[in-house]
Amino acid sequence: MVGRLASALTEALSPSWSQRVRAGRALAAYTHVPEAAEALAGLLLDTEDTAVTRQTSEALARVGTTASVRLLALAIAGADDSQADWMETGVLDALVGPDSAPDVAMVCGQLSRDPEAAVHQGAAEILSWTDGRPGRP
């Protein structure tokens, strides 16, 4: 596990968009590790390639934990319109299909009570993307 985490952290800094996408997918399982959370925040706001933002958002939504959705919510506060659009696309991608994500809307409801303004505002934005209904894009 430590080797995979270290490798993903290295890939998160790569000039290659495909390696950064791979890092976002791998790091989504490690949101509880501060270094991974920091790298994920950077990948969500990737300025080089929208695929990195989209795929990292999808991976975090698929994990669907409070920590992963909280990272998404925080990133929305620092996102420009294009990044926010690609985050929305990634989240919606995670919510459709036979292997859809856990109930992101429920987690957003929990995060709406977070004391940090950026978190509860970002959670409200994500909730609007899901239309507030479990499993519904």
C-alpha atoms as a PDB file:
ATOM      1  CA  MET A   1       0.000   0.000   0.000  1.00  0.00           C
ATOM      2  CA  VAL A   2       2.780   2.454   0.855  1.00  0.00           C
ATOM      3  CA  GLY A   3       4.463   1.816  -2.503  1.00  0.00           C
ATOM      4  CA  ARG A   4       1.244   2.460  -4.416  1.00  0.00           C
ATOM      5  CA  LEU A   5       0.615   5.667  -2.463  1.00  0.00           C
ATOM      6  CA  ALA A   6       4.162   6.908  -3.028  1.00  0.00           C
ATOM      7  CA  SER A   7       3.938   6.101  -6.720  1.00  0.00           C
ATOM      8  CA  ALA A   8       0.609   7.920  -7.057  1.00  0.00           C
ATOM      9  CA  LEU A   9       1.977  10.964  -5.227  1.00  0.00           C
ATOM     10  CA  THR A  10       4.872  11.074  -7.684  1.00  0.00           C
ATOM     11  CA  GLU A  11       2.520  10.713 -10.661  1.00  0.00           C
ATOM     12  CA  ALA A  12       0.384  13.588  -9.346  1.00  0.00           C
ATOM     13  CA  LEU A  13       3.325  15.902 -10.101  1.00  0.00           C
ATOM     14  CA  SER A  14       3.987  14.503 -13.569  1.00  0.00           C
ATOM     15  CA  PRO A  15       3.912  16.724 -16.649  1.00  0.00           C
ATOM     16  CA  SER A  16       1.935  13.930 -18.335  1.00  0.00           C
ATOM     17  CA  TRP A  17      -1.838  14.422 -18.088  1.00  0.00           C
ATOM     18  CA  SER A  18      -2.423  10.666 -18.322  1.00  0.00           C
ATOM     19  CA  GLN A  19      -0.156  10.031 -15.332  1.00  0.00           C
ATOM     20  CA  ARG A  20      -1.959  12.750 -13.360  1.00  0.00           C
ATOM     21  CA  VAL A  21      -5.304  11.128 -14.237  1.00  0.00           C
ATOM     22  CA  ARG A  22      -3.955   7.779 -13.021  1.00  0.00           C
ATOM     23  CA  ALA A  23      -2.756   9.481  -9.834  1.00  0.00           C
ATOM     24  CA  GLY A  24      -6.175  11.018  -9.188  1.00  0.00           C
ATOM     25  CA  ARG A  25      -7.854   7.644  -9.512  1.00  0.00           C
ATOM     26  CA  ALA A  26      -5.319   5.946  -7.248  1.00  0.00           C
ATOM     27  CA  LEU A  27      -5.208   8.676  -4.601  1.00  0.00           C
ATOM     28  CA  ALA A  28      -9.009   8.827  -4.225  1.00  0.00           C
ATOM     29  CA  ALA A  29      -8.771   5.845  -1.886  1.00  0.00           C
ATOM     30  CA  TYR A  30      -6.343   7.734   0.379  1.00  0.00           C
ATOM     31  CA  THR A  31      -8.248  10.914   1.238  1.00  0.00           C
ATOM     32  CA  HIS A  32      -7.494  10.250   4.911  1.00  0.00           C
ATOM     33  CA  VAL A  33      -3.752  10.708   4.227  1.00  0.00           C
ATOM     34  CA  PRO A  34      -2.856  14.422   4.339  1.00  0.00           C
ATOM     35  CA  GLU A  35      -0.312  14.190   1.502  1.00  0.00           C
ATOM     36  CA  ALA A  36      -2.854  12.447  -0.719  1.00  0.00           C
ATOM     37  CA  ALA A  37      -5.580  14.974   0.134  1.00  0.00           C
ATOM     38  CA  GLU A  38      -3.221  17.814  -0.772  1.00  0.00           C
ATOM     39  CA  ALA A  39      -2.284  16.174  -4.075  1.00  0.00           C
ATOM     40  CA  LEU A  40      -5.962  15.509  -4.867  1.00  0.00           C
ATOM     41  CA  ALA A  41      -6.811  19.165  -4.246  1.00  0.00           C
ATOM     42  CA  GLY A  42      -4.194  20.109  -6.816  1.00  0.00           C
ATOM     43  CA  LEU A  43      -5.450  17.536  -9.307  1.00  0.00           C
ATOM     44  CA  LEU A  44      -9.032  18.757  -8.976  1.00  0.00           C
ATOM     45  CA  LEU A  45      -7.852  22.245  -9.919  1.00  0.00           C
ATOM     46  CA  ASP A  46      -5.417  21.090 -12.619  1.00  0.00           C
ATOM     47  CA  THR A  47      -4.721  23.994 -14.957  1.00  0.00           C
ATOM     48  CA  GLU A  48      -3.099  21.918 -17.679  1.00  0.00           C
ATOM     49  CA  ASP A  49      -5.807  19.433 -18.682  1.00  0.00           C
ATOM     50  CA  THR A  50      -9.528  19.149 -17.985  1.00  0.00           C
ATOM     51  CA  ALA A  51      -9.356  15.347 -18.121  1.00  0.00           C
ATOM     52  CA  VAL A  52      -7.442  15.409 -14.842  1.00  0.00           C
ATOM     53  CA  THR A  53     -10.163  17.467 -13.152  1.00  0.00           C
ATOM     54  CA  ARG A  54     -12.949  15.307 -14.573  1.00  0.00           C
ATOM     55  CA  GLN A  55     -11.402  11.929 -13.781  1.00  0.00           C
ATOM     56  CA  THR A  56     -10.280  12.939 -10.290  1.00  0.00           C
ATOM     57  CA  SER A  57     -13.779  14.251  -9.526  1.00  0.00           C
ATOM     58  CA  GLU A  58     -15.317  11.020 -10.758  1.00  0.00           C
ATOM     59  CA  ALA A  59     -12.920   8.921  -8.678  1.00  0.00           C
ATOM     60  CA  LEU A  60     -13.673  10.913  -5.518  1.00  0.00           C
ATOM     61  CA  ALA A  61     -17.432  10.695  -6.097  1.00  0.00           C
ATOM     62  CA  ARG A  62     -17.144   6.938  -6.656  1.00  0.00           C
ATOM     63  CA  VAL A  63     -15.405   6.588  -3.287  1.00  0.00           C
ATOM     64  CA  GLY A  64     -18.284   8.621  -1.864  1.00  0.00           C
ATOM     65  CA  THR A  65     -16.973   9.042   1.670  1.00  0.00           C
ATOM     66  CA  THR A  66     -17.376  12.204   3.681  1.00  0.00           C
ATOM     67  CA  ALA A  67     -13.653  12.908   3.227  1.00  0.00           C
ATOM     68  CA  SER A  68     -13.726  12.449  -0.561  1.00  0.00           C
ATOM     69  CA  VAL A  69     -16.850  14.568  -1.101  1.00  0.00           C
ATOM     70  CA  ARG A  70     -15.461  17.188   1.299  1.00  0.00           C
ATOM     71  CA  LEU A  71     -12.382  17.512  -0.942  1.00  0.00           C
ATOM     72  CA  LEU A  72     -14.654  18.057  -3.927  1.00  0.00           C
ATOM     73  CA  ALA A  73     -16.664  20.657  -2.034  1.00  0.00           C
ATOM     74  CA  LEU A  74     -13.522  22.544  -1.001  1.00  0.00           C
ATOM     75  CA  ALA A  75     -12.154  22.468  -4.537  1.00  0.00           C
ATOM     76  CA  ILE A  76     -15.309  24.075  -5.886  1.00  0.00           C
ATOM     77  CA  ALA A  77     -14.535  27.181  -3.832  1.00  0.00           C
ATOM     78  CA  GLY A  78     -11.254  27.634  -5.719  1.00  0.00           C
ATOM     79  CA  ALA A  79     -12.473  26.473  -9.115  1.00  0.00           C
ATOM     80  CA  ASP A  80     -13.033  28.658 -12.136  1.00  0.00           C
ATOM     81  CA  ASP A  81     -16.178  28.102 -14.207  1.00  0.00           C
ATOM     82  CA  SER A  82     -14.513  25.607 -16.536  1.00  0.00           C
ATOM     83  CA  GLN A  83     -13.067  23.551 -13.696  1.00  0.00           C
ATOM     84  CA  ALA A  84     -16.423  23.532 -11.896  1.00  0.00           C
ATOM     85  CA  ASP A  85     -18.123  22.334 -15.093  1.00  0.00           C
ATOM     86  CA  TRP A  86     -15.650  19.461 -15.429  1.00  0.00           C
ATOM     87  CA  MET A  87     -16.040  18.585 -11.745  1.00  0.00           C
ATOM     88  CA  GLU A  88     -19.783  18.427 -12.287  1.00  0.00           C
ATOM     89  CA  THR A  89     -19.300  16.168 -15.303  1.00  0.00           C
ATOM     90  CA  GLY A  90     -17.034  13.876 -13.282  1.00  0.00           C
ATOM     91  CA  VAL A  91     -19.508  13.647 -10.403  1.00  0.00           C
ATOM     92  CA  LEU A  92     -22.394  12.941 -12.769  1.00  0.00           C
ATOM     93  CA  ASP A  93     -20.312  10.290 -14.555  1.00  0.00           C
ATOM     94  CA  ALA A  94     -19.879   8.559 -11.199  1.00  0.00           C
ATOM     95  CA  LEU A  95     -23.616   8.614 -10.534  1.00  0.00           C
ATOM     96  CA  VAL A  96     -24.738   6.857 -13.715  1.00  0.00           C
ATOM     97  CA  GLY A  97     -24.394   3.286 -14.845  1.00  0.00           C
ATOM     98  CA  PRO A  98     -24.597  -0.088 -13.186  1.00  0.00           C
ATOM     99  CA  ASP A  99     -21.642   0.579 -10.882  1.00  0.00           C
ATOM    100  CA  SER A 100     -22.825   4.023  -9.802  1.00  0.00           C
ATOM    101  CA  ALA A 101     -21.344   5.841  -6.843  1.00  0.00           C
ATOM    102  CA  PRO A 102     -22.615   5.758  -3.287  1.00  0.00           C
ATOM    103  CA  ASP A 103     -25.193   8.310  -2.247  1.00  0.00           C
ATOM    104  CA  VAL A 104     -23.286  11.534  -2.825  1.00  0.00           C
ATOM    105  CA  ALA A 105     -26.458  13.533  -2.105  1.00  0.00           C
ATOM    106  CA  MET A 106     -26.648  12.051   1.398  1.00  0.00           C
ATOM    107  CA  VAL A 107     -23.009  12.951   2.095  1.00  0.00           C
ATOM    108  CA  CYS A 108     -23.632  16.489   0.812  1.00  0.00           C
ATOM    109  CA  GLY A 109     -26.528  16.750   3.241  1.00  0.00           C
ATOM    110  CA  GLN A 110     -24.168  15.885   6.075  1.00  0.00           C
ATOM    111  CA  LEU A 111     -21.571  18.363   4.821  1.00  0.00           C
ATOM    112  CA  SER A 112     -24.164  21.135   4.675  1.00  0.00           C
ATOM    113  CA  ARG A 113     -23.659  21.389   8.444  1.00  0.00           C
ATOM    114  CA  ASP A 114     -19.864  21.698   8.188  1.00  0.00           C
ATOM    115  CA  PRO A 115     -18.610  24.781  10.047  1.00  0.00           C
ATOM    116  CA  GLU A 116     -16.317  25.722   7.156  1.00  0.00           C
ATOM    117  CA  ALA A 117     -18.226  27.980   4.745  1.00  0.00           C
ATOM    118  CA  ALA A 118     -16.423  26.722   1.636  1.00  0.00           C
ATOM    119  CA  VAL A 119     -17.381  23.131   2.500  1.00  0.00           C
ATOM    120  CA  HIS A 120     -21.072  23.688   3.061  1.00  0.00           C
ATOM    121  CA  GLN A 121     -21.314  25.989   0.022  1.00  0.00           C
ATOM    122  CA  GLY A 122     -19.488  23.460  -2.167  1.00  0.00           C
ATOM    123  CA  ALA A 123     -21.666  20.649  -0.840  1.00  0.00           C
ATOM    124  CA  ALA A 124     -24.760  22.669  -1.763  1.00  0.00           C
ATOM    125  CA  GLU A 125     -23.374  23.089  -5.288  1.00  0.00           C
ATOM    126  CA  ILE A 126     -22.727  19.347  -5.633  1.00  0.00           C
ATOM    127  CA  LEU A 127     -26.196  18.631  -4.274  1.00  0.00           C
ATOM    128  CA  SER A 128     -27.667  20.853  -6.987  1.00  0.00           C
ATOM    129  CA  TRP A 129     -25.828  18.760  -9.585  1.00  0.00           C
ATOM    130  CA  THR A 130     -27.381  15.568  -8.267  1.00  0.00           C
ATOM    131  CA  ASP A 131     -30.808  17.220  -8.008  1.00  0.00           C
ATOM    132  CA  GLY A 132     -30.753  16.051  -4.396  1.00  0.00           C
ATOM    133  CA  ARG A 133     -31.935  12.569  -5.270  1.00  0.00           C
ATOM    134  CA  PRO A 134     -29.911   9.422  -4.585  1.00  0.00           C
ATOM    135  CA  GLY A 135     -28.626   7.788  -7.735  1.00  0.00           C
ATOM    136  CA  ARG A 136     -30.141  10.472  -9.989  1.00  0.00           C
ATOM    137  CA  PRO A 137     -27.943  12.680 -12.148  1.00  0.00           C
END
